[in-house]
Amino acid sequence: MKSPTTPTTAYIADDDPEDIDLLCEVIRAIDSSADLKVFSNGRQVLAQLMACRDEELPHLLILDYSMPELTGPQVLRELGKYSRYSKIAKYVLSTSSASVYMDECLQTGADTYFVKPNSMQELRSIVRKILQRG
């Protein structure tokens, strides 16, 4: 959990560059001081998290469900093995609304599973929820 005066730091992992661009644009529009780091697959974000010192860990982690190398749930499962990641707010943002995927993510450590919306207004609403909790 971050303090009110600390800029939000977020790691975003998604293999779709357009989705990353939109998400970053909306986050920065809501919180211009946000420090965003983007990754194109689960293995990259996991390696970065493992390499961070405790004080450098992000406040939030936003994962796509289906990514190359490691999926969102696989990243969550790995992070769940270590207590040092327990304070990071973890979200999955996916195109799939299948309950089996939602359940898997929630059981492996996601705080919330969001279905990628079809409008900017819906995306802004999701990002506000994420930033308020993160």
C-alpha atoms as a PDB file:
ATOM      1  CA  MET A   1       0.000   0.000   0.000  1.00  0.00           C
ATOM      2  CA  LYS A   2       1.434   3.363  -0.940  1.00  0.00           C
ATOM      3  CA  SER A   3       1.338   6.533   1.105  1.00  0.00           C
ATOM      4  CA  PRO A   4      -0.748   9.471  -0.206  1.00  0.00           C
ATOM      5  CA  THR A   5       2.381  11.461  -1.078  1.00  0.00           C
ATOM      6  CA  THR A   6       4.213   8.676  -2.897  1.00  0.00           C
ATOM      7  CA  PRO A   7       3.699   8.440  -6.661  1.00  0.00           C
ATOM      8  CA  THR A   8       1.998   5.232  -7.760  1.00  0.00           C
ATOM      9  CA  THR A   9       4.357   2.707  -9.281  1.00  0.00           C
ATOM     10  CA  ALA A  10       2.819   0.075 -11.509  1.00  0.00           C
ATOM     11  CA  TYR A  11       4.138  -2.810 -13.535  1.00  0.00           C
ATOM     12  CA  ILE A  12       1.993  -3.673 -16.535  1.00  0.00           C
ATOM     13  CA  ALA A  13       2.464  -6.919 -18.452  1.00  0.00           C
ATOM     14  CA  ASP A  14       0.552  -7.481 -21.677  1.00  0.00           C
ATOM     15  CA  ASP A  15       1.635  -8.792 -25.072  1.00  0.00           C
ATOM     16  CA  ASP A  16      -0.660  -6.392 -26.969  1.00  0.00           C
ATOM     17  CA  PRO A  17       1.140  -3.049 -27.537  1.00  0.00           C
ATOM     18  CA  GLU A  18      -2.130  -1.236 -28.285  1.00  0.00           C
ATOM     19  CA  ASP A  19      -3.666  -2.412 -25.009  1.00  0.00           C
ATOM     20  CA  ILE A  20      -0.563  -1.283 -23.130  1.00  0.00           C
ATOM     21  CA  ASP A  21      -0.632   2.133 -24.826  1.00  0.00           C
ATOM     22  CA  LEU A  22      -4.308   2.673 -24.001  1.00  0.00           C
ATOM     23  CA  LEU A  23      -3.906   1.539 -20.414  1.00  0.00           C
ATOM     24  CA  CYS A  24      -0.858   3.761 -19.847  1.00  0.00           C
ATOM     25  CA  GLU A  25      -2.632   6.725 -21.448  1.00  0.00           C
ATOM     26  CA  VAL A  26      -5.632   6.341 -19.140  1.00  0.00           C
ATOM     27  CA  ILE A  27      -3.505   5.799 -16.026  1.00  0.00           C
ATOM     28  CA  ARG A  28      -1.440   8.907 -16.771  1.00  0.00           C
ATOM     29  CA  ALA A  29      -4.576  10.943 -17.465  1.00  0.00           C
ATOM     30  CA  ILE A  30      -5.884  10.042 -14.006  1.00  0.00           C
ATOM     31  CA  ASP A  31      -2.541  10.098 -12.157  1.00  0.00           C
ATOM     32  CA  SER A  32       0.068  12.108 -14.049  1.00  0.00           C
ATOM     33  CA  SER A  33       2.753  11.252 -11.472  1.00  0.00           C
ATOM     34  CA  ALA A  34       2.362   7.491 -11.932  1.00  0.00           C
ATOM     35  CA  ASP A  35       5.582   5.619 -12.620  1.00  0.00           C
ATOM     36  CA  LEU A  36       4.745   2.899 -15.155  1.00  0.00           C
ATOM     37  CA  LYS A  37       6.956   0.068 -16.316  1.00  0.00           C
ATOM     38  CA  VAL A  38       5.707  -2.145 -19.117  1.00  0.00           C
ATOM     39  CA  PHE A  39       6.572  -5.702 -20.062  1.00  0.00           C
ATOM     40  CA  SER A  40       5.494  -7.784 -23.058  1.00  0.00           C
ATOM     41  CA  ASN A  41       5.371 -11.149 -21.301  1.00  0.00           C
ATOM     42  CA  GLY A  42       5.038 -12.777 -17.925  1.00  0.00           C
ATOM     43  CA  ARG A  43       8.639 -13.946 -17.698  1.00  0.00           C
ATOM     44  CA  GLN A  44       9.940 -10.370 -18.089  1.00  0.00           C
ATOM     45  CA  VAL A  45       7.731  -8.937 -15.345  1.00  0.00           C
ATOM     46  CA  LEU A  46       8.516 -11.816 -12.999  1.00  0.00           C
ATOM     47  CA  ALA A  47      12.267 -11.396 -13.567  1.00  0.00           C
ATOM     48  CA  GLN A  48      12.001  -7.672 -12.826  1.00  0.00           C
ATOM     49  CA  LEU A  49      10.005  -8.286  -9.649  1.00  0.00           C
ATOM     50  CA  MET A  50      12.526 -10.877  -8.475  1.00  0.00           C
ATOM     51  CA  ALA A  51      15.397  -8.444  -9.128  1.00  0.00           C
ATOM     52  CA  CYS A  52      13.811  -5.541  -7.180  1.00  0.00           C
ATOM     53  CA  ARG A  53      14.841  -4.633  -3.689  1.00  0.00           C
ATOM     54  CA  ASP A  54      11.882  -4.618  -1.298  1.00  0.00           C
ATOM     55  CA  GLU A  55      11.685  -0.815  -1.257  1.00  0.00           C
ATOM     56  CA  GLU A  56      11.595  -0.740  -5.076  1.00  0.00           C
ATOM     57  CA  LEU A  57       8.612  -3.083  -5.495  1.00  0.00           C
ATOM     58  CA  PRO A  58       5.648  -1.569  -7.321  1.00  0.00           C
ATOM     59  CA  HIS A  59       2.368  -0.687  -5.641  1.00  0.00           C
ATOM     60  CA  LEU A  60       0.390  -2.444  -8.340  1.00  0.00           C
ATOM     61  CA  LEU A  61       0.725  -5.160 -10.889  1.00  0.00           C
ATOM     62  CA  ILE A  62      -1.612  -5.345 -13.870  1.00  0.00           C
ATOM     63  CA  LEU A  63      -1.365  -8.582 -15.849  1.00  0.00           C
ATOM     64  CA  ASP A  64      -2.989  -9.866 -18.991  1.00  0.00           C
ATOM     65  CA  TYR A  65      -4.333 -13.395 -18.585  1.00  0.00           C
ATOM     66  CA  SER A  66      -2.814 -14.832 -21.744  1.00  0.00           C
ATOM     67  CA  MET A  67       0.787 -13.845 -22.437  1.00  0.00           C
ATOM     68  CA  PRO A  68       3.755 -15.624 -23.979  1.00  0.00           C
ATOM     69  CA  GLU A  69       6.266 -17.461 -21.815  1.00  0.00           C
ATOM     70  CA  LEU A  70       4.284 -17.108 -18.542  1.00  0.00           C
ATOM     71  CA  THR A  71       0.572 -16.372 -18.275  1.00  0.00           C
ATOM     72  CA  GLY A  72      -0.940 -14.016 -15.711  1.00  0.00           C
ATOM     73  CA  PRO A  73      -1.967 -16.892 -13.413  1.00  0.00           C
ATOM     74  CA  GLN A  74       1.497 -18.450 -13.677  1.00  0.00           C
ATOM     75  CA  VAL A  75       3.072 -15.145 -12.596  1.00  0.00           C
ATOM     76  CA  LEU A  76       0.590 -14.880  -9.711  1.00  0.00           C
ATOM     77  CA  ARG A  77       1.282 -18.459  -8.640  1.00  0.00           C
ATOM     78  CA  GLU A  78       5.020 -17.788  -8.550  1.00  0.00           C
ATOM     79  CA  LEU A  79       4.610 -14.523  -6.601  1.00  0.00           C
ATOM     80  CA  GLY A  80       2.403 -16.314  -4.087  1.00  0.00           C
ATOM     81  CA  LYS A  81       5.390 -18.376  -2.979  1.00  0.00           C
ATOM     82  CA  TYR A  82       7.031 -15.287  -1.448  1.00  0.00           C
ATOM     83  CA  SER A  83       5.632 -13.084   1.305  1.00  0.00           C
ATOM     84  CA  ARG A  84       7.567 -10.063   0.010  1.00  0.00           C
ATOM     85  CA  TYR A  85       5.014  -9.664  -2.802  1.00  0.00           C
ATOM     86  CA  SER A  86       1.933  -9.819  -0.590  1.00  0.00           C
ATOM     87  CA  LYS A  87       1.536  -6.032  -0.343  1.00  0.00           C
ATOM     88  CA  ILE A  88       1.467  -5.499  -4.115  1.00  0.00           C
ATOM     89  CA  ALA A  89      -2.079  -5.013  -5.413  1.00  0.00           C
ATOM     90  CA  LYS A  90      -2.486  -7.531  -8.241  1.00  0.00           C
ATOM     91  CA  TYR A  91      -5.023  -7.213 -11.059  1.00  0.00           C
ATOM     92  CA  VAL A  92      -5.739  -9.226 -14.164  1.00  0.00           C
ATOM     93  CA  LEU A  93      -7.143  -7.408 -17.186  1.00  0.00           C
ATOM     94  CA  SER A  94      -8.197  -9.852 -19.898  1.00  0.00           C
ATOM     95  CA  THR A  95     -10.359 -10.102 -22.999  1.00  0.00           C
ATOM     96  CA  SER A  96     -11.945 -13.294 -21.672  1.00  0.00           C
ATOM     97  CA  SER A  97     -15.024 -13.230 -19.472  1.00  0.00           C
ATOM     98  CA  ALA A  98     -14.863 -16.998 -18.858  1.00  0.00           C
ATOM     99  CA  SER A  99     -15.551 -17.738 -15.208  1.00  0.00           C
ATOM    100  CA  VAL A 100     -12.935 -20.503 -15.190  1.00  0.00           C
ATOM    101  CA  TYR A 101     -10.233 -17.896 -16.001  1.00  0.00           C
ATOM    102  CA  MET A 102     -11.593 -15.450 -13.433  1.00  0.00           C
ATOM    103  CA  ASP A 103     -11.660 -18.140 -10.743  1.00  0.00           C
ATOM    104  CA  GLU A 104      -8.139 -19.288 -11.589  1.00  0.00           C
ATOM    105  CA  CYS A 105      -6.767 -15.750 -11.259  1.00  0.00           C
ATOM    106  CA  LEU A 106      -8.557 -15.030  -8.001  1.00  0.00           C
ATOM    107  CA  GLN A 107      -7.389 -18.364  -6.552  1.00  0.00           C
ATOM    108  CA  THR A 108      -3.769 -17.701  -7.549  1.00  0.00           C
ATOM    109  CA  GLY A 109      -3.583 -14.259  -5.934  1.00  0.00           C
ATOM    110  CA  ALA A 110      -5.292 -11.621  -8.064  1.00  0.00           C
ATOM    111  CA  ASP A 111      -7.174  -9.001  -6.071  1.00  0.00           C
ATOM    112  CA  THR A 112      -9.617  -8.499  -8.944  1.00  0.00           C
ATOM    113  CA  TYR A 113     -10.162  -9.779 -12.471  1.00  0.00           C
ATOM    114  CA  PHE A 114     -11.403  -7.219 -14.989  1.00  0.00           C
ATOM    115  CA  VAL A 115     -12.621  -7.920 -18.513  1.00  0.00           C
ATOM    116  CA  LYS A 116     -11.033  -5.516 -20.997  1.00  0.00           C
ATOM    117  CA  PRO A 117     -13.756  -3.032 -21.877  1.00  0.00           C
ATOM    118  CA  ASN A 118     -14.943  -1.868 -25.272  1.00  0.00           C
ATOM    119  CA  SER A 119     -14.997   1.844 -24.458  1.00  0.00           C
ATOM    120  CA  MET A 120     -12.618   4.426 -23.055  1.00  0.00           C
ATOM    121  CA  GLN A 121     -15.217   5.399 -20.463  1.00  0.00           C
ATOM    122  CA  GLU A 122     -15.314   1.833 -19.124  1.00  0.00           C
ATOM    123  CA  LEU A 123     -11.502   1.644 -19.149  1.00  0.00           C
ATOM    124  CA  ARG A 124     -11.297   4.890 -17.158  1.00  0.00           C
ATOM    125  CA  SER A 125     -13.728   3.427 -14.631  1.00  0.00           C
ATOM    126  CA  ILE A 126     -11.609   0.287 -14.235  1.00  0.00           C
ATOM    127  CA  VAL A 127      -8.393   2.301 -13.898  1.00  0.00           C
ATOM    128  CA  ARG A 128      -9.960   4.517 -11.217  1.00  0.00           C
ATOM    129  CA  LYS A 129     -10.904   1.397  -9.245  1.00  0.00           C
ATOM    130  CA  ILE A 130      -7.399  -0.004  -9.597  1.00  0.00           C
ATOM    131  CA  LEU A 131      -5.714   3.248  -8.567  1.00  0.00           C
ATOM    132  CA  GLN A 132      -7.997   3.717  -5.570  1.00  0.00           C
ATOM    133  CA  ARG A 133      -7.201   0.254  -4.249  1.00  0.00           C
ATOM    134  CA  GLY A 134      -3.532   0.201  -5.213  1.00  0.00           C
END
